[in-house]
Amino acid sequence: MESKEELQVWATVDVADMKVGCGKEVPVPISIKNIQSSKRKFTLRVRSEFRSKDELVEWFVTLDYPKQKEYTISKSDKEPIEEDIDIDGKQARKFSLVVSTPKGGYMGDSVTFYVSIISADGINNFEKAFTVELTPVIVAMKTTVGNEIPVSIDLANKSDVDLGERKQINPESLSEVFSIMAPHEVRGYVFVETMHPDRLAVIAKGIRGFKGIVEGDIKIGEIEHYLTPKPAVTGLELGAFVELIDGPFKGEKAKIMSIDAGKEEVTVQLVESMVPIPVTVRAEAIRMLDKK
């Protein structure tokens, strides 16, 4: 007779709740072990529960055992998936169930999957539930260097036009562009938040300076440091030579004598003045020329 430990580990469905973008694949590894000595039959059953705005939007589920087969499910057609699996005594079967999210889903749409595995003799019974929710993604848009801001403005404008056209057909339509970020430090790229990356290239077509969409998503952690402005005094050093680019001494060369990080001000000494004159200016009003 099986031990309590064996009964607990005879089946696994290695997945957790997650948020993903549209048009993505979510692999779900599954393992079933026949812990008895004789050959037994198991039934894999997958049922789904939808929370979606459009009942016709289709999701896809692919099962690669006993042979690869794809199933189409939607809010209006969610017939449970069932497959029988024969496993020899003391043997295991490992395979994958892959959930493919729809390209045209809405933000917040979700499907809860209930995966159950039952032995034909009724001895073993296992169930695991997990939810896949659709969420916006961030992608990188390539631009010609120096055109990051104009491309961002044109994309926002074209997105508004696109939204207006789609609202005439479906008043509940949302913009394809949720946000745009063009950090000063990044040349030749613009970051765009969207539900449908495949639609961005269509909207951006014809924009001067647009060069395409980089394949793959960008995690917010990779770019969040651009969301926090750096102090204006960052990179400034005592003794460094600078040029004043604003104010009454605009164009004058100077040397940094002190830095007030709290006020974001620097005191400089004009180097071309016959009499050394200390001048306190905003850190934004100077440009680094050289260090010490």
Protein backbone atom coordinates (compact mmCIF):
# COMPACT_ATOMS: atom_id res chain seq x y z
CA MET A 1 0.00 0.00 0.00
CA GLU A 2 1.21 3.54 -0.85
CA SER A 3 2.62 5.69 1.90
CA LYS A 4 1.06 9.04 2.73
CA GLU A 5 4.09 10.76 1.18
CA GLU A 6 3.68 8.85 -2.10
CA LEU A 7 -0.01 9.76 -2.30
CA GLN A 8 0.91 13.43 -1.99
CA VAL A 9 3.47 13.51 -4.82
CA TRP A 10 1.99 11.21 -7.45
CA ALA A 11 0.83 14.21 -9.56
CA THR A 12 2.15 17.75 -10.04
CA VAL A 13 0.99 20.75 -12.07
CA ASP A 14 3.85 23.26 -11.88
CA VAL A 15 2.16 26.64 -12.32
CA ALA A 16 0.95 29.63 -10.31
CA ASP A 17 -1.40 32.55 -10.92
CA MET A 18 0.14 35.04 -13.34
CA LYS A 19 -0.37 38.18 -15.36
CA VAL A 20 0.81 38.11 -18.98
CA GLY A 21 0.37 40.07 -22.17
CA CYS A 22 -1.73 39.26 -25.20
CA GLY A 23 -0.40 36.74 -27.71
CA LYS A 24 1.83 34.98 -25.18
CA GLU A 25 2.37 31.30 -24.37
CA VAL A 26 2.17 29.99 -20.82
CA PRO A 27 3.71 26.50 -20.47
CA VAL A 28 2.29 24.33 -17.69
CA PRO A 29 4.48 21.27 -16.91
CA ILE A 30 2.46 18.25 -15.71
CA SER A 31 3.71 15.03 -14.17
CA ILE A 32 1.72 11.89 -13.35
CA LYS A 33 3.25 8.88 -11.59
CA ASN A 34 1.62 5.48 -11.31
CA ILE A 35 2.69 4.52 -7.79
CA GLN A 36 1.22 1.02 -8.08
CA SER A 37 2.79 -2.02 -9.71
CA SER A 38 0.15 -2.67 -12.39
CA LYS A 39 -0.73 -0.60 -15.43
CA ARG A 40 -3.42 2.01 -14.73
CA LYS A 41 -5.47 4.57 -16.59
CA PHE A 42 -5.68 8.23 -15.59
CA THR A 43 -7.99 10.93 -16.91
CA LEU A 44 -6.70 14.47 -17.35
CA ARG A 45 -9.51 17.00 -17.31
CA VAL A 46 -9.18 20.75 -17.86
CA ARG A 47 -12.11 23.06 -17.38
CA SER A 48 -12.12 26.85 -17.59
CA GLU A 49 -13.91 29.78 -16.03
CA PHE A 50 -13.88 33.10 -17.94
CA ARG A 51 -13.94 36.72 -16.86
CA SER A 52 -13.83 38.61 -20.15
CA LYS A 53 -15.54 41.53 -21.89
CA ASP A 54 -16.01 39.80 -25.22
CA GLU A 55 -17.41 36.26 -25.14
CA LEU A 56 -16.11 35.57 -28.65
CA VAL A 57 -12.41 36.21 -27.88
CA GLU A 58 -10.63 32.87 -28.23
CA TRP A 59 -7.89 31.39 -26.08
CA PHE A 60 -5.94 28.29 -27.10
CA VAL A 61 -4.79 25.28 -25.10
CA THR A 62 -2.26 22.81 -26.50
CA LEU A 63 -1.64 19.39 -24.96
CA ASP A 64 1.42 17.49 -26.18
CA TYR A 65 0.46 14.01 -24.93
CA PRO A 66 -0.39 11.38 -26.12
CA LYS A 67 0.00 13.46 -29.30
CA GLN A 68 0.00 17.20 -29.77
CA LYS A 69 -3.50 18.59 -30.01
CA GLU A 70 -4.81 22.16 -29.88
CA TYR A 71 -8.11 23.17 -28.34
CA THR A 72 -9.93 26.46 -28.82
CA ILE A 73 -11.89 27.83 -25.87
CA SER A 74 -13.87 31.01 -25.24
CA LYS A 75 -16.46 32.38 -22.86
CA SER A 76 -19.17 31.08 -25.17
CA ASP A 77 -17.46 27.75 -25.90
CA LYS A 78 -15.67 26.30 -22.89
CA GLU A 79 -16.22 22.58 -23.23
CA PRO A 80 -13.88 20.78 -20.80
CA ILE A 81 -10.80 19.10 -22.25
CA GLU A 82 -10.42 15.39 -21.42
CA GLU A 83 -7.67 12.94 -22.28
CA ASP A 84 -7.06 9.39 -21.01
CA ILE A 85 -3.48 8.42 -20.23
CA ASP A 86 -2.26 4.85 -19.67
CA ILE A 87 0.81 4.48 -17.45
CA ASP A 88 2.69 1.28 -16.66
CA GLY A 89 3.31 0.31 -13.03
CA LYS A 90 5.87 2.41 -11.16
CA GLN A 91 6.32 4.63 -14.24
CA ALA A 92 5.70 8.34 -14.78
CA ARG A 93 4.61 10.55 -17.64
CA LYS A 94 5.76 14.14 -18.04
CA PHE A 95 4.15 16.45 -20.57
CA SER A 96 3.04 20.05 -21.01
CA LEU A 97 -0.17 21.94 -21.34
CA VAL A 98 0.39 25.30 -23.04
CA VAL A 99 -2.06 28.18 -22.66
CA SER A 100 -1.90 30.71 -25.51
CA THR A 101 -3.46 34.07 -24.69
CA PRO A 102 -5.49 35.88 -27.38
CA LYS A 103 -3.91 38.68 -29.39
CA GLY A 104 -7.08 40.75 -29.13
CA GLY A 105 -7.91 40.41 -25.45
CA TYR A 106 -8.85 43.24 -23.09
CA MET A 107 -6.94 44.43 -20.04
CA GLY A 108 -8.16 42.52 -17.00
CA ASP A 109 -9.61 39.60 -18.96
CA SER A 110 -8.77 36.36 -17.19
CA VAL A 111 -9.33 32.63 -17.31
CA THR A 112 -9.13 30.32 -14.32
CA PHE A 113 -8.10 26.80 -15.31
CA TYR A 114 -8.96 23.79 -13.16
CA VAL A 115 -6.67 20.87 -13.95
CA SER A 116 -7.79 17.58 -12.44
CA ILE A 117 -6.15 14.15 -12.69
CA ILE A 118 -8.17 11.11 -11.64
CA SER A 119 -7.20 7.44 -11.70
CA ALA A 120 -9.77 5.11 -13.28
CA ASP A 121 -9.86 2.98 -10.11
CA GLY A 122 -10.80 6.05 -8.06
CA ILE A 123 -7.82 5.74 -5.72
CA ASN A 124 -6.01 8.90 -6.81
CA ASN A 125 -7.62 12.30 -7.29
CA PHE A 126 -5.74 15.58 -7.81
CA GLU A 127 -6.79 19.14 -8.76
CA LYS A 128 -4.87 22.37 -9.25
CA ALA A 129 -6.38 25.74 -10.17
CA PHE A 130 -4.51 28.71 -11.61
CA THR A 131 -5.54 32.01 -13.19
CA VAL A 132 -4.04 33.74 -16.21
CA GLU A 133 -4.88 37.45 -16.40
CA LEU A 134 -4.17 39.75 -19.34
CA THR A 135 -2.10 42.83 -18.55
CA PRO A 136 -0.35 45.57 -20.56
CA VAL A 137 3.27 45.04 -21.58
CA ILE A 138 6.14 47.42 -22.28
CA VAL A 139 7.95 47.21 -25.61
CA ALA A 140 10.81 49.16 -27.13
CA MET A 141 10.26 51.10 -30.32
CA LYS A 142 13.33 51.86 -32.45
CA THR A 143 13.77 55.39 -33.79
CA THR A 144 16.45 57.35 -35.57
CA VAL A 145 18.76 58.98 -33.03
CA GLY A 146 17.53 62.45 -32.12
CA ASN A 147 13.93 61.76 -33.14
CA GLU A 148 12.80 60.07 -29.92
CA ILE A 149 10.53 62.96 -28.82
CA PRO A 150 9.00 63.72 -32.26
CA VAL A 151 8.26 60.01 -32.76
CA SER A 152 6.63 59.85 -29.31
CA ILE A 153 4.43 62.87 -30.06
CA ASP A 154 3.42 61.53 -33.49
CA LEU A 155 2.66 58.10 -32.04
CA ALA A 156 0.40 59.63 -29.37
CA ASN A 157 -1.43 61.69 -32.00
CA LYS A 158 -1.90 58.76 -34.38
CA SER A 159 -3.07 56.59 -31.49
CA ASP A 160 -5.77 59.16 -30.68
CA VAL A 161 -6.94 59.12 -34.31
CA ASP A 162 -6.98 55.32 -34.31
CA LEU A 163 -9.00 55.26 -31.09
CA GLY A 164 -11.54 57.69 -32.50
CA GLU A 165 -12.05 55.50 -35.57
CA ARG A 166 -12.48 52.34 -33.51
CA LYS A 167 -14.88 54.00 -31.07
CA GLN A 168 -17.27 54.59 -33.97
CA ILE A 169 -17.54 50.81 -34.23
CA ASN A 170 -17.13 49.89 -30.56
CA PRO A 171 -17.73 52.71 -28.02
CA GLU A 172 -15.87 50.69 -25.34
CA SER A 173 -12.60 50.63 -27.30
CA LEU A 174 -9.45 51.68 -25.45
CA SER A 175 -6.32 53.35 -26.75
CA GLU A 176 -3.62 51.02 -28.03
CA VAL A 177 -1.03 53.25 -26.35
CA PHE A 178 -1.29 53.54 -22.57
CA SER A 179 1.93 55.45 -21.97
CA ILE A 180 5.12 56.52 -23.76
CA MET A 181 8.53 57.15 -22.21
CA ALA A 182 11.52 58.63 -24.01
CA PRO A 183 14.35 58.94 -21.45
CA HIS A 184 17.00 61.52 -22.27
CA GLU A 185 19.73 58.95 -21.54
CA VAL A 186 18.47 56.43 -24.11
CA ARG A 187 19.20 57.28 -27.72
CA GLY A 188 17.30 55.68 -30.57
CA TYR A 189 14.59 54.00 -28.48
CA VAL A 190 11.18 54.86 -27.02
CA PHE A 191 9.36 52.69 -24.46
CA VAL A 192 5.64 52.12 -25.02
CA GLU A 193 3.06 50.48 -22.74
CA THR A 194 0.33 48.68 -24.68
CA MET A 195 -2.07 45.74 -24.63
CA HIS A 196 -1.43 44.81 -28.25
CA PRO A 197 2.21 45.12 -29.43
CA ASP A 198 1.27 43.85 -32.89
CA ARG A 199 -0.97 46.90 -33.37
CA LEU A 200 1.80 49.41 -32.60
CA ALA A 201 3.64 48.84 -35.88
CA VAL A 202 0.39 49.45 -37.78
CA ILE A 203 -0.32 52.72 -35.95
CA ALA A 204 3.31 53.90 -36.22
CA LYS A 205 3.55 53.22 -39.95
CA GLY A 206 4.48 56.39 -41.77
CA ILE A 207 5.87 58.20 -38.72
CA ARG A 208 9.12 59.91 -39.67
CA GLY A 209 11.98 58.39 -37.67
CA PHE A 210 10.14 55.17 -36.75
CA LYS A 211 12.32 52.10 -37.42
CA GLY A 212 10.35 49.18 -35.99
CA ILE A 213 9.41 47.34 -32.80
CA VAL A 214 11.99 45.36 -30.83
CA GLU A 215 10.85 41.79 -30.31
CA GLY A 216 10.04 40.83 -26.72
CA ASP A 217 8.74 42.60 -23.62
CA ILE A 218 10.60 44.82 -21.18
CA LYS A 219 10.06 44.42 -17.45
CA ILE A 220 9.36 47.61 -15.51
CA GLY A 221 12.34 46.87 -13.27
CA GLU A 222 14.66 47.31 -16.25
CA ILE A 223 13.62 50.90 -16.89
CA GLU A 224 12.13 52.18 -13.63
CA HIS A 225 15.33 54.04 -12.77
CA TYR A 226 14.51 56.38 -15.65
CA LEU A 227 11.31 57.38 -13.84
CA THR A 228 13.25 59.01 -10.98
CA PRO A 229 14.93 62.28 -12.02
CA LYS A 230 18.59 62.47 -11.08
CA PRO A 231 19.68 65.41 -8.88
CA ALA A 232 20.96 68.26 -11.03
CA VAL A 233 24.31 68.16 -9.19
CA THR A 234 24.95 64.53 -10.17
CA GLY A 235 28.35 64.22 -11.83
CA LEU A 236 29.60 67.65 -10.74
CA GLU A 237 32.95 67.80 -8.94
CA LEU A 238 34.86 70.50 -7.09
CA GLY A 239 37.49 72.06 -9.34
CA ALA A 240 35.78 71.04 -12.57
CA PHE A 241 35.57 73.59 -15.36
CA VAL A 242 32.14 74.50 -16.65
CA GLU A 243 30.34 76.87 -18.98
CA LEU A 244 27.40 78.92 -17.80
CA ILE A 245 24.49 78.31 -20.17
CA ASP A 246 21.88 80.53 -18.55
CA GLY A 247 21.65 83.84 -16.69
CA PRO A 248 23.60 87.12 -16.95
CA PHE A 249 26.97 85.32 -17.29
CA LYS A 250 25.80 83.01 -20.07
CA GLY A 251 28.75 81.86 -22.18
CA GLU A 252 31.36 82.53 -19.48
CA LYS A 253 33.82 79.82 -18.39
CA ALA A 254 34.05 79.08 -14.67
CA LYS A 255 35.50 76.73 -12.07
CA ILE A 256 33.35 74.96 -9.46
CA MET A 257 34.25 76.13 -5.97
CA SER A 258 31.43 74.56 -3.90
CA ILE A 259 28.36 72.36 -4.36
CA ASP A 260 25.12 72.58 -2.35
CA ALA A 261 23.36 69.29 -3.10
CA GLY A 262 20.36 70.16 -0.94
CA LYS A 263 19.58 73.36 -2.86
CA GLU A 264 20.96 71.94 -6.13
CA GLU A 265 23.16 75.01 -6.47
CA VAL A 266 26.83 75.47 -7.22
CA THR A 267 29.19 78.34 -6.55
CA VAL A 268 31.61 78.98 -9.40
CA GLN A 269 34.45 81.40 -10.01
CA LEU A 270 34.64 83.09 -13.40
CA VAL A 271 38.03 82.25 -14.86
CA GLU A 272 38.25 85.00 -17.47
CA SER A 273 37.39 87.81 -15.09
CA MET A 274 40.22 90.15 -14.05
CA VAL A 275 38.89 90.04 -10.50
CA PRO A 276 37.86 86.60 -9.18
CA ILE A 277 34.10 86.74 -8.81
CA PRO A 278 32.23 83.92 -7.01
CA VAL A 279 28.79 83.36 -8.52
CA THR A 280 26.09 81.03 -7.16
CA VAL A 281 23.86 79.51 -9.86
CA ARG A 282 21.40 76.65 -10.30
CA ALA A 283 23.07 73.37 -11.23
CA GLU A 284 20.98 73.25 -14.41
CA ALA A 285 22.55 76.52 -15.53
CA ILE A 286 26.01 75.05 -16.11
CA ARG A 287 27.54 72.59 -18.54
CA MET A 288 30.58 70.47 -17.72
CA LEU A 289 33.64 71.20 -19.85
CA ASP A 290 36.41 69.27 -18.19
CA LYS A 291 37.43 67.94 -14.80
CA LYS A 292 40.04 69.68 -12.63
